[in-house]
Amino acid sequence: MKYYEAYDERYRAVHDIGLRWTSDVKTPIVLESLEKYSEKRGKVLETGCGEGRDANAVLNAGYDLYASDISAEAIDFCKAQAPVYADRFFTLDCINGTLDMKFDFIYSVAVLHMLTEDNDRAAFYRFIKEHLSPDGKALVLSMGDGEREFRTDPDAAFDLKERECMGKTVEVVSTTCRIVSFDTFEHEIKSAGFEILEKGVTSCEPEFDRLIYAVIK
């Protein structure tokens, strides 16, 4: 298994004991960016939807959203939690996979920082570029404050460790994390052939008090 597939095991561990890994509080900037840069008649894609926190908010707002994640466990959870939208959730490895569709808007919340390797991060941006319509925009959010840089060992992604989850201590796989500065973030984006329309630091409480973001085309 690829190191970035470790989240599937983490989801299974917490779901098996009746918990969810993240809260269901939406990320404010997602709908704000959709309202600013997209129209409701256009197709929208979320890469790395996790347990559906933002996908459900976007679907409830009336957008034509397709929500994907590499974790089959996460997708099953989304379908069970929101059966009315079950046909909008599907598994996808955006590093190695492809879709026969183009999208007006693509967004990804706290997925990029899971990718520690340069080639995988480049593949992430390549997937976005290949699946945007000619006038499409994308929103990418990654954990960090724009200054600090940090990287974990991908070989330790499946190592077990204790973590807090919904007020309980649980044993889950470590997964991976790579935090980059704004300089690195912008370099990766521009190297992938994108133009930055907007950038900054935002948050998604209670999970992330700092997320760097960029709207790109």
Protein backbone atom coordinates (compact mmCIF):
# COMPACT_ATOMS: atom_id res chain seq x y z
CA MET A 1 0.00 0.00 0.00
CA LYS A 2 1.08 3.57 -0.63
CA TYR A 3 1.88 5.60 2.49
CA TYR A 4 -0.99 8.01 1.79
CA GLU A 5 -3.47 5.12 1.97
CA ALA A 6 -2.94 4.88 5.74
CA TYR A 7 -5.97 7.07 6.41
CA ASP A 8 -8.24 4.20 5.39
CA GLU A 9 -7.00 2.21 8.37
CA ARG A 10 -7.39 5.22 10.65
CA TYR A 11 -11.02 5.68 9.58
CA ARG A 12 -11.74 1.99 10.12
CA ALA A 13 -10.25 2.08 13.62
CA VAL A 14 -12.37 5.01 14.82
CA HIS A 15 -15.56 3.95 13.04
CA ASP A 16 -15.31 0.47 14.55
CA ILE A 17 -15.68 2.02 18.02
CA GLY A 18 -18.52 4.33 17.03
CA LEU A 19 -16.52 7.54 16.56
CA ARG A 20 -15.79 9.79 13.62
CA TRP A 21 -12.31 11.16 13.02
CA THR A 22 -13.29 14.78 12.37
CA SER A 23 -16.13 17.04 13.38
CA ASP A 24 -18.98 17.84 11.00
CA VAL A 25 -18.25 21.59 11.11
CA LYS A 26 -17.74 22.83 7.55
CA THR A 27 -14.67 24.72 6.34
CA PRO A 28 -15.98 28.29 5.81
CA ILE A 29 -13.70 29.20 2.91
CA VAL A 30 -15.03 26.38 0.72
CA LEU A 31 -18.51 27.83 0.24
CA GLU A 32 -17.10 31.37 0.26
CA SER A 33 -14.81 30.49 -2.66
CA LEU A 34 -17.55 28.65 -4.54
CA GLU A 35 -19.80 31.68 -4.26
CA LYS A 36 -17.00 33.94 -5.47
CA TYR A 37 -15.46 31.87 -8.26
CA SER A 38 -18.06 29.36 -9.45
CA GLU A 39 -21.64 29.14 -10.62
CA LYS A 40 -24.14 26.56 -9.43
CA ARG A 41 -24.68 25.20 -12.91
CA GLY A 42 -21.04 24.06 -13.12
CA LYS A 43 -19.71 20.70 -11.96
CA VAL A 44 -17.68 20.66 -8.73
CA LEU A 45 -15.22 18.01 -7.49
CA GLU A 46 -13.86 17.48 -4.00
CA THR A 47 -10.68 15.43 -3.74
CA GLY A 48 -10.21 13.90 -0.30
CA CYS A 49 -13.70 14.37 1.10
CA GLY A 50 -13.01 12.25 4.19
CA GLU A 51 -16.17 11.80 6.25
CA GLY A 52 -18.12 14.30 4.16
CA ARG A 53 -17.95 17.38 6.36
CA ASP A 54 -17.60 19.88 3.50
CA ALA A 55 -19.24 17.75 0.81
CA ASN A 56 -22.54 17.69 2.65
CA ALA A 57 -22.48 21.46 3.13
CA VAL A 58 -21.76 22.02 -0.58
CA LEU A 59 -24.44 19.58 -1.69
CA ASN A 60 -26.97 21.14 0.68
CA ALA A 61 -26.15 24.53 -0.83
CA GLY A 62 -27.28 23.26 -4.23
CA TYR A 63 -23.98 22.69 -6.04
CA ASP A 64 -23.47 19.87 -8.54
CA LEU A 65 -20.79 18.20 -6.45
CA TYR A 66 -18.95 14.91 -6.88
CA ALA A 67 -16.98 13.96 -3.76
CA SER A 68 -14.07 11.52 -3.78
CA ASP A 69 -11.61 9.95 -1.37
CA ILE A 70 -8.99 7.23 -1.59
CA SER A 71 -10.47 5.57 1.50
CA ALA A 72 -13.30 3.13 0.81
CA GLU A 73 -14.15 3.26 4.51
CA ALA A 74 -14.60 7.03 4.36
CA ILE A 75 -16.81 6.78 1.28
CA ASP A 76 -18.98 4.09 2.88
CA PHE A 77 -19.34 6.34 5.93
CA CYS A 78 -20.40 9.31 3.76
CA LYS A 79 -23.01 7.23 1.96
CA ALA A 80 -24.41 5.90 5.23
CA GLN A 81 -24.55 9.36 6.82
CA ALA A 82 -26.18 11.05 3.80
CA PRO A 83 -27.98 8.36 1.75
CA VAL A 84 -29.82 10.98 -0.29
CA TYR A 85 -26.42 11.91 -1.78
CA ALA A 86 -24.99 8.38 -1.92
CA ASP A 87 -24.48 8.46 -5.67
CA ARG A 88 -22.26 11.55 -5.34
CA PHE A 89 -19.54 9.83 -3.30
CA PHE A 90 -16.92 7.54 -4.83
CA THR A 91 -13.40 6.22 -4.24
CA LEU A 92 -10.55 7.78 -6.18
CA ASP A 93 -6.77 7.90 -5.94
CA CYS A 94 -6.09 11.33 -7.38
CA ILE A 95 -2.35 10.59 -7.51
CA ASN A 96 -2.68 7.67 -9.91
CA GLY A 97 -6.31 7.80 -11.07
CA THR A 98 -8.28 9.74 -13.65
CA LEU A 99 -11.88 10.65 -14.44
CA ASP A 100 -13.71 11.08 -17.72
CA MET A 101 -15.05 14.46 -16.62
CA LYS A 102 -14.05 18.13 -16.44
CA PHE A 103 -15.03 20.40 -13.58
CA ASP A 104 -15.79 24.08 -13.16
CA PHE A 105 -14.34 24.04 -9.65
CA ILE A 106 -12.17 21.59 -7.71
CA TYR A 107 -11.38 21.90 -4.03
CA SER A 108 -9.25 19.97 -1.59
CA VAL A 109 -9.14 20.52 2.17
CA ALA A 110 -6.17 19.26 4.21
CA VAL A 111 -5.16 16.61 1.68
CA LEU A 112 -1.97 18.08 0.22
CA HIS A 113 -0.18 18.01 3.57
CA MET A 114 -0.61 14.20 3.65
CA LEU A 115 1.65 13.93 0.60
CA THR A 116 5.29 13.96 1.68
CA GLU A 117 6.95 13.10 -1.64
CA ASP A 118 7.63 15.68 -4.35
CA ASN A 119 6.46 13.40 -7.16
CA ASP A 120 3.15 12.72 -5.40
CA ARG A 121 2.57 16.41 -4.75
CA ALA A 122 3.28 17.13 -8.43
CA ALA A 123 0.83 14.38 -9.41
CA PHE A 124 -1.80 15.96 -7.15
CA TYR A 125 -1.53 19.26 -9.03
CA ARG A 126 -1.38 17.46 -12.39
CA PHE A 127 -4.68 15.71 -11.60
CA ILE A 128 -6.31 19.08 -10.84
CA LYS A 129 -4.96 20.63 -14.04
CA GLU A 130 -6.13 17.72 -16.19
CA HIS A 131 -9.65 17.79 -14.75
CA LEU A 132 -10.41 21.52 -14.77
CA SER A 133 -12.48 23.03 -17.54
CA PRO A 134 -10.69 25.76 -19.53
CA ASP A 135 -12.06 28.51 -17.27
CA GLY A 136 -12.10 26.37 -14.12
CA LYS A 137 -10.71 27.32 -10.72
CA ALA A 138 -9.42 25.27 -7.81
CA LEU A 139 -9.08 25.83 -4.08
CA VAL A 140 -6.24 24.04 -2.29
CA LEU A 141 -5.86 24.12 1.49
CA SER A 142 -2.95 22.61 3.39
CA MET A 143 -2.07 22.54 7.07
CA GLY A 144 0.45 25.19 8.09
CA ASP A 145 1.01 28.85 8.88
CA GLY A 146 3.00 29.73 5.76
CA GLU A 147 6.32 29.97 7.58
CA ARG A 148 7.23 26.64 9.19
CA GLU A 149 8.32 23.57 7.23
CA PHE A 150 8.00 20.02 8.60
CA ARG A 151 7.98 16.51 7.17
CA THR A 152 7.31 13.06 8.62
CA ASP A 153 8.79 9.77 7.47
CA PRO A 154 6.43 8.05 4.99
CA ASP A 155 7.83 4.66 6.07
CA ALA A 156 6.20 5.24 9.47
CA ALA A 157 2.73 5.96 8.05
CA PHE A 158 1.25 2.68 9.30
CA ASP A 159 2.90 2.72 12.73
CA LEU A 160 0.37 2.70 15.56
CA LYS A 161 0.23 5.55 18.05
CA GLU A 162 -2.23 6.98 20.56
CA ARG A 163 -4.22 10.03 19.48
CA GLU A 164 -7.11 12.02 20.84
CA CYS A 165 -10.36 11.60 18.90
CA MET A 166 -13.63 13.18 20.00
CA GLY A 167 -12.42 13.35 23.59
CA LYS A 168 -11.19 9.74 23.68
CA THR A 169 -7.70 8.28 23.42
CA VAL A 170 -7.54 5.79 20.56
CA GLU A 171 -4.77 3.78 18.92
CA VAL A 172 -4.57 4.59 15.22
CA VAL A 173 -2.01 4.59 12.42
CA SER A 174 0.28 7.63 12.30
CA THR A 175 -0.35 8.59 8.63
CA THR A 176 1.91 11.32 7.21
CA CYS A 177 2.32 15.08 7.20
CA ARG A 178 4.34 17.62 5.24
CA ILE A 179 3.94 21.26 6.12
CA VAL A 180 5.44 23.79 3.71
CA SER A 181 6.06 27.53 3.74
CA PHE A 182 4.30 29.93 1.41
CA ASP A 183 7.45 30.09 -0.70
CA THR A 184 7.39 26.33 -1.28
CA PHE A 185 3.60 26.31 -1.71
CA GLU A 186 3.73 29.00 -4.39
CA HIS A 187 6.70 27.40 -6.13
CA GLU A 188 4.86 24.06 -6.40
CA ILE A 189 1.72 25.75 -7.73
CA LYS A 190 3.54 27.81 -10.36
CA SER A 191 5.74 24.87 -11.38
CA ALA A 192 2.54 22.93 -12.08
CA GLY A 193 1.46 25.63 -14.54
CA PHE A 194 -1.11 27.47 -12.42
CA GLU A 195 -1.74 31.12 -11.76
CA ILE A 196 -2.58 32.15 -8.18
CA LEU A 197 -5.70 34.29 -7.96
CA GLU A 198 -5.85 34.52 -4.18
CA LYS A 199 -3.84 33.19 -1.24
CA GLY A 200 -3.76 33.47 2.52
CA VAL A 201 -4.13 31.76 5.86
CA THR A 202 -7.47 30.51 7.12
CA SER A 203 -8.76 27.94 9.62
CA CYS A 204 -11.15 25.05 10.01
CA GLU A 205 -11.96 24.68 13.67
CA PRO A 206 -11.74 22.50 15.63
CA GLU A 207 -9.37 20.42 13.46
CA PHE A 208 -7.06 23.07 12.03
CA ASP A 209 -6.31 26.45 13.54
CA ARG A 210 -4.04 27.29 10.61
CA LEU A 211 -4.43 26.34 6.95
CA ILE A 212 -2.64 27.99 4.06
CA TYR A 213 -4.73 28.24 0.92
CA ALA A 214 -4.64 29.31 -2.70
CA VAL A 215 -7.28 29.77 -5.36
CA ILE A 216 -5.68 28.85 -8.68
CA LYS A 217 -6.48 28.63 -12.35
